[in-house]
Amino acid sequence: MKKITLFSVLLTVSWIPMKGQIPDTLYANAHQVVSLSFESPIQKGITGSANFAFSFNQETAETLGLLQAQAGQESNLLVRTMDGKLYGFILAYRENLDQWHHFVPMAQQLKKPHEKEAIQPIENNSVPVTPHTKPNYAENCRKLLERGRTFHHIKRQKGLRIRMAKSLYHKNVVYLLYELKNRSAITYELGQLQLSKVLGTQKRKASYQELPITPLYTHHQPKIIGPGTTHRFVVVYPKFTLNQEERLQLKVLETRGSRNLTVRLR
């Protein structure tokens, strides 16, 4: 406990938001998991109140952290990453969330007082970044949609049907082909498609964890699905593996409404 207290005091004294640098507010609750992705693996994280819990993999360096909260007054979160950078956030409780994942860019790090942004020199012999130097996700997704694949996992509920094809691994990424059909007479607005690793069971909340897998790219993922309409789309994820205790779970959440699907894949 003394080590944690000392860490928080040192951060408060040595690192403060610069003028005009207002920390983002993160909203969380007890029944939904909010995830934060940093550009460097997390080394340490601490909240200012016991109402908020920030967890991350302390055995294997990872860039993903998870946040949950109990009702109470606002607090703050301080995170240090492996590259020595520090990040600060305001924490607040909210019963219903409209955002479950946050990408934290390196530019959002806390600055020391009077510290200025480093200006990177431009070299005449530098190679410009072109679309050809980036992974060609769009072309691969297009080919996958054209060829089609056999669907294995099917879930029908509340007038909706979700189908998934067997995952396709290519280099260090995974391509997943989805098919979502609105079988009802009411337009469906897709709010979130969340693929997660699940550890434990909800009956034992102390050991239950949902670890969202952040997509790298989405191809033709719909926002609105009309009555009787079917949409096929592809989502690209970073390559992942499952141990014997883990399984995959897919959640399809409606933006405004209760037509939500949960598919347990293993």
Protein backbone atom coordinates (compact mmCIF):
# COMPACT_ATOMS: atom_id res chain seq x y z
CA MET A 1 0.00 0.00 0.00
CA LYS A 2 2.88 2.41 0.79
CA LYS A 3 4.40 1.82 -2.65
CA ILE A 4 1.12 2.65 -4.37
CA THR A 5 0.67 5.81 -2.31
CA LEU A 6 4.22 6.97 -3.05
CA PHE A 7 3.74 6.32 -6.77
CA SER A 8 0.56 8.42 -6.89
CA VAL A 9 2.17 11.29 -4.92
CA LEU A 10 5.21 11.39 -7.21
CA LEU A 11 2.97 11.52 -10.29
CA THR A 12 0.85 14.31 -8.81
CA VAL A 13 3.87 16.45 -7.90
CA SER A 14 6.08 15.84 -10.94
CA TRP A 15 3.52 15.64 -13.74
CA ILE A 16 0.65 18.06 -14.18
CA PRO A 17 -1.54 18.90 -17.20
CA MET A 18 -0.19 21.87 -19.13
CA LYS A 19 -2.28 24.94 -19.67
CA GLY A 20 -4.90 24.05 -22.27
CA GLN A 21 -4.29 20.32 -21.79
CA ILE A 22 -7.55 19.14 -20.22
CA PRO A 23 -7.63 15.40 -19.33
CA ASP A 24 -10.30 13.32 -21.03
CA THR A 25 -13.17 12.05 -18.91
CA LEU A 26 -13.70 8.29 -18.95
CA TYR A 27 -17.11 6.95 -17.97
CA ALA A 28 -17.52 3.47 -16.48
CA ASN A 29 -19.93 1.31 -14.51
CA ALA A 30 -20.10 -2.11 -12.84
CA HIS A 31 -21.95 -4.05 -15.55
CA GLN A 32 -19.94 -3.01 -18.65
CA VAL A 33 -16.20 -3.21 -19.35
CA VAL A 34 -14.41 -0.15 -20.73
CA SER A 35 -11.07 -0.83 -22.44
CA LEU A 36 -8.12 1.50 -23.10
CA SER A 37 -5.48 0.80 -25.75
CA PHE A 38 -2.10 2.52 -25.45
CA GLU A 39 0.70 2.62 -28.02
CA SER A 40 3.16 1.15 -25.50
CA PRO A 41 2.56 -1.68 -22.97
CA ILE A 42 1.25 -0.65 -19.57
CA GLN A 43 3.75 -0.67 -16.70
CA LYS A 44 1.58 0.68 -13.86
CA GLY A 45 -1.88 2.16 -13.36
CA ILE A 46 -3.65 3.54 -10.32
CA THR A 47 -7.01 5.14 -9.58
CA GLY A 48 -7.63 7.79 -6.95
CA SER A 49 -10.70 6.08 -5.49
CA ALA A 50 -11.69 2.53 -4.61
CA ASN A 51 -14.92 3.09 -6.57
CA PHE A 52 -12.91 2.61 -9.78
CA ALA A 53 -10.91 -0.49 -10.74
CA PHE A 54 -8.24 -0.42 -13.48
CA SER A 55 -6.73 -3.79 -14.40
CA PHE A 56 -4.11 -4.96 -16.91
CA ASN A 57 -1.95 -8.01 -17.53
CA GLN A 58 0.90 -7.79 -15.03
CA GLU A 59 2.54 -11.05 -16.17
CA THR A 60 2.79 -10.35 -19.90
CA ALA A 61 3.32 -6.81 -21.22
CA GLU A 62 0.19 -5.68 -23.07
CA THR A 63 -1.18 -2.36 -24.29
CA LEU A 64 -4.75 -3.07 -23.14
CA GLY A 65 -6.23 -1.97 -19.81
CA LEU A 66 -9.75 -2.50 -18.44
CA LEU A 67 -11.84 -0.10 -16.37
CA GLN A 68 -14.95 -0.65 -14.26
CA ALA A 69 -16.65 1.45 -11.57
CA GLN A 70 -19.13 1.54 -8.72
CA ALA A 71 -21.42 4.53 -8.19
CA GLY A 72 -19.67 7.36 -6.35
CA GLN A 73 -17.87 10.66 -6.71
CA GLU A 74 -15.51 11.47 -9.58
CA SER A 75 -11.86 10.44 -9.38
CA ASN A 76 -8.83 10.16 -11.65
CA LEU A 77 -6.63 7.55 -13.31
CA LEU A 78 -2.86 7.72 -13.81
CA VAL A 79 -1.12 5.29 -16.18
CA ARG A 80 2.58 4.84 -16.88
CA THR A 81 3.63 2.89 -19.99
CA MET A 82 6.81 0.92 -20.66
CA ASP A 83 8.29 3.76 -22.73
CA GLY A 84 8.21 6.04 -19.67
CA LYS A 85 5.25 8.15 -20.74
CA LEU A 86 2.46 9.13 -18.33
CA TYR A 87 -1.25 9.60 -19.02
CA GLY A 88 -3.97 11.12 -16.84
CA PHE A 89 -7.76 10.86 -17.04
CA ILE A 90 -10.79 12.04 -15.10
CA LEU A 91 -13.04 9.15 -14.02
CA ALA A 92 -16.80 9.36 -13.60
CA TYR A 93 -19.61 6.85 -13.05
CA ARG A 94 -22.37 6.56 -15.64
CA GLU A 95 -25.16 3.99 -15.63
CA ASN A 96 -25.38 3.73 -19.44
CA LEU A 97 -22.30 4.01 -21.64
CA ASP A 98 -22.08 5.12 -25.26
CA GLN A 99 -18.40 4.21 -25.69
CA TRP A 100 -16.70 0.98 -24.61
CA HIS A 101 -13.22 1.44 -26.05
CA HIS A 102 -10.71 4.30 -26.12
CA PHE A 103 -7.55 4.52 -28.24
CA VAL A 104 -4.99 6.63 -26.35
CA PRO A 105 -2.56 8.34 -28.76
CA MET A 106 0.96 9.13 -27.62
CA ALA A 107 0.25 12.84 -28.04
CA GLN A 108 -2.15 12.61 -25.10
CA GLN A 109 0.67 12.00 -22.60
CA LEU A 110 1.16 14.35 -19.65
CA LYS A 111 3.85 16.96 -20.06
CA LYS A 112 6.24 18.35 -17.47
CA PRO A 113 5.77 22.04 -16.68
CA HIS A 114 7.33 24.27 -19.40
CA GLU A 115 8.07 21.20 -21.55
CA LYS A 116 7.56 21.84 -25.25
CA GLU A 117 6.77 19.42 -28.03
CA ALA A 118 9.89 18.16 -29.77
CA ILE A 119 10.18 19.29 -33.38
CA GLN A 120 11.23 16.45 -35.66
CA PRO A 121 13.63 17.48 -38.44
CA ILE A 122 12.58 16.72 -42.00
CA GLU A 123 15.20 14.79 -43.91
CA ASN A 124 15.43 15.28 -47.63
CA ASN A 125 16.10 11.58 -48.16
CA SER A 126 13.08 10.43 -46.14
CA VAL A 127 10.69 8.01 -47.81
CA PRO A 128 7.07 9.23 -47.89
CA VAL A 129 4.42 6.87 -46.60
CA THR A 130 2.06 5.75 -49.34
CA PRO A 131 -1.01 3.53 -49.26
CA HIS A 132 1.10 0.75 -50.75
CA THR A 133 3.28 0.58 -47.63
CA LYS A 134 0.27 -0.19 -45.38
CA PRO A 135 -1.43 -3.58 -45.04
CA ASN A 136 -3.87 -3.99 -47.90
CA TYR A 137 -6.81 -4.96 -45.69
CA ALA A 138 -9.44 -3.55 -48.06
CA GLU A 139 -8.35 -5.66 -51.02
CA ASN A 140 -8.17 -8.85 -48.96
CA CYS A 141 -11.62 -8.18 -47.48
CA ARG A 142 -13.08 -7.56 -50.92
CA LYS A 143 -11.73 -10.89 -52.18
CA LEU A 144 -13.08 -12.68 -49.11
CA LEU A 145 -16.57 -11.27 -49.71
CA GLU A 146 -16.45 -12.20 -53.40
CA ARG A 147 -15.38 -15.79 -52.83
CA GLY A 148 -17.73 -16.43 -49.93
CA ARG A 149 -17.23 -18.98 -47.18
CA THR A 150 -19.28 -21.56 -45.29
CA PHE A 151 -20.97 -20.14 -42.21
CA HIS A 152 -20.71 -22.21 -39.02
CA HIS A 153 -21.89 -20.19 -36.03
CA ILE A 154 -25.53 -19.09 -36.11
CA LYS A 155 -27.61 -17.19 -33.55
CA ARG A 156 -31.26 -16.15 -33.95
CA GLN A 157 -32.99 -13.91 -31.46
CA LYS A 158 -35.42 -10.96 -31.36
CA GLY A 159 -35.87 -10.90 -35.12
CA LEU A 160 -32.13 -10.91 -35.85
CA ARG A 161 -29.77 -13.53 -37.20
CA ILE A 162 -25.98 -13.40 -36.95
CA ARG A 163 -23.76 -15.85 -38.80
CA MET A 164 -19.98 -16.22 -38.80
CA ALA A 165 -17.61 -18.01 -41.13
CA LYS A 166 -14.54 -19.86 -39.91
CA SER A 167 -11.72 -17.42 -39.15
CA LEU A 168 -9.03 -16.91 -41.78
CA TYR A 169 -5.47 -16.26 -40.57
CA HIS A 170 -3.12 -14.29 -42.82
CA LYS A 171 0.33 -13.30 -41.54
CA ASN A 172 -0.25 -11.59 -38.18
CA VAL A 173 -3.96 -10.80 -38.54
CA VAL A 174 -7.30 -12.62 -38.47
CA TYR A 175 -10.14 -12.03 -40.95
CA LEU A 176 -13.69 -12.78 -39.78
CA LEU A 177 -16.62 -12.78 -42.17
CA TYR A 178 -20.00 -11.90 -40.62
CA GLU A 179 -23.54 -11.97 -41.93
CA LEU A 180 -26.24 -10.01 -40.10
CA LYS A 181 -29.89 -10.26 -41.16
CA ASN A 182 -32.79 -8.19 -39.86
CA ARG A 183 -35.75 -10.57 -39.98
CA SER A 184 -38.10 -8.12 -38.26
CA ALA A 185 -40.25 -5.32 -39.68
CA ILE A 186 -38.32 -2.67 -37.72
CA THR A 187 -35.09 -1.04 -38.87
CA TYR A 188 -32.06 -2.14 -36.85
CA GLU A 189 -29.29 0.33 -35.98
CA LEU A 190 -26.03 -1.46 -35.20
CA GLY A 191 -24.28 0.21 -32.27
CA GLN A 192 -21.42 -2.15 -31.54
CA LEU A 193 -20.00 -5.48 -32.66
CA GLN A 194 -17.72 -6.63 -29.85
CA LEU A 195 -15.52 -9.73 -30.04
CA SER A 196 -13.95 -10.65 -26.69
CA LYS A 197 -11.89 -13.27 -24.93
CA VAL A 198 -13.84 -14.53 -21.92
CA LEU A 199 -12.29 -16.08 -18.84
CA GLY A 200 -14.41 -17.65 -16.09
CA THR A 201 -18.20 -17.53 -15.70
CA GLN A 202 -20.58 -14.73 -14.73
CA LYS A 203 -21.74 -16.82 -11.77
CA ARG A 204 -18.32 -16.21 -10.21
CA LYS A 205 -17.88 -12.49 -10.83
CA ALA A 206 -14.58 -12.30 -8.96
CA SER A 207 -12.86 -14.43 -11.61
CA TYR A 208 -14.94 -13.38 -14.64
CA GLN A 209 -13.23 -11.24 -17.27
CA GLU A 210 -14.14 -10.02 -20.74
CA LEU A 211 -11.10 -8.88 -22.74
CA PRO A 212 -12.22 -7.06 -25.92
CA ILE A 213 -10.21 -7.71 -29.08
CA THR A 214 -9.78 -4.35 -30.80
CA PRO A 215 -10.40 -4.44 -34.59
CA LEU A 216 -7.68 -3.21 -36.92
CA TYR A 217 -10.05 -2.59 -39.83
CA THR A 218 -13.74 -3.00 -40.72
CA HIS A 219 -14.95 -3.53 -44.28
CA HIS A 220 -18.57 -2.70 -45.24
CA GLN A 221 -19.81 -2.99 -41.65
CA PRO A 222 -23.34 -1.53 -41.74
CA LYS A 223 -24.82 1.06 -39.40
CA ILE A 224 -28.44 0.67 -40.52
CA ILE A 225 -30.05 -2.65 -41.49
CA GLY A 226 -33.49 -2.31 -43.00
CA PRO A 227 -36.36 -4.79 -42.50
CA GLY A 228 -35.69 -8.09 -44.28
CA THR A 229 -32.20 -6.93 -45.26
CA THR A 230 -28.99 -9.00 -45.05
CA HIS A 231 -25.49 -7.53 -44.81
CA ARG A 232 -22.17 -9.32 -45.12
CA PHE A 233 -19.03 -7.63 -43.89
CA VAL A 234 -15.48 -8.40 -42.76
CA VAL A 235 -13.62 -7.36 -39.62
CA VAL A 236 -9.83 -7.62 -39.31
CA TYR A 237 -8.36 -8.35 -35.88
CA PRO A 238 -4.79 -8.76 -34.60
CA LYS A 239 -3.80 -12.42 -34.39
CA PHE A 240 -4.90 -13.98 -31.10
CA THR A 241 -4.83 -17.36 -29.38
CA LEU A 242 -6.97 -18.97 -26.67
CA ASN A 243 -5.80 -21.09 -23.78
CA GLN A 244 -7.83 -23.94 -22.30
CA GLU A 245 -9.68 -21.66 -19.86
CA GLU A 246 -10.60 -18.98 -22.42
CA ARG A 247 -13.37 -18.85 -24.99
CA LEU A 248 -14.58 -16.37 -27.59
CA GLN A 249 -17.73 -14.31 -27.23
CA LEU A 250 -19.46 -12.02 -29.73
CA LYS A 251 -21.89 -9.28 -28.72
CA VAL A 252 -24.14 -7.49 -31.21
CA LEU A 253 -25.57 -4.38 -29.54
CA GLU A 254 -28.33 -2.11 -30.82
CA THR A 255 -27.69 1.64 -30.61
CA ARG A 256 -31.06 2.52 -29.14
CA GLY A 257 -33.02 -0.52 -28.09
CA SER A 258 -32.77 -3.93 -26.47
CA ARG A 259 -32.31 -6.16 -29.51
CA ASN A 260 -28.90 -7.46 -28.47
CA LEU A 261 -27.30 -10.80 -29.29
CA THR A 262 -24.59 -12.71 -27.42
CA VAL A 263 -22.89 -15.61 -29.19
CA ARG A 264 -20.55 -17.90 -27.24
CA LEU A 265 -18.22 -19.55 -29.71
CA ARG A 266 -16.34 -21.91 -27.41
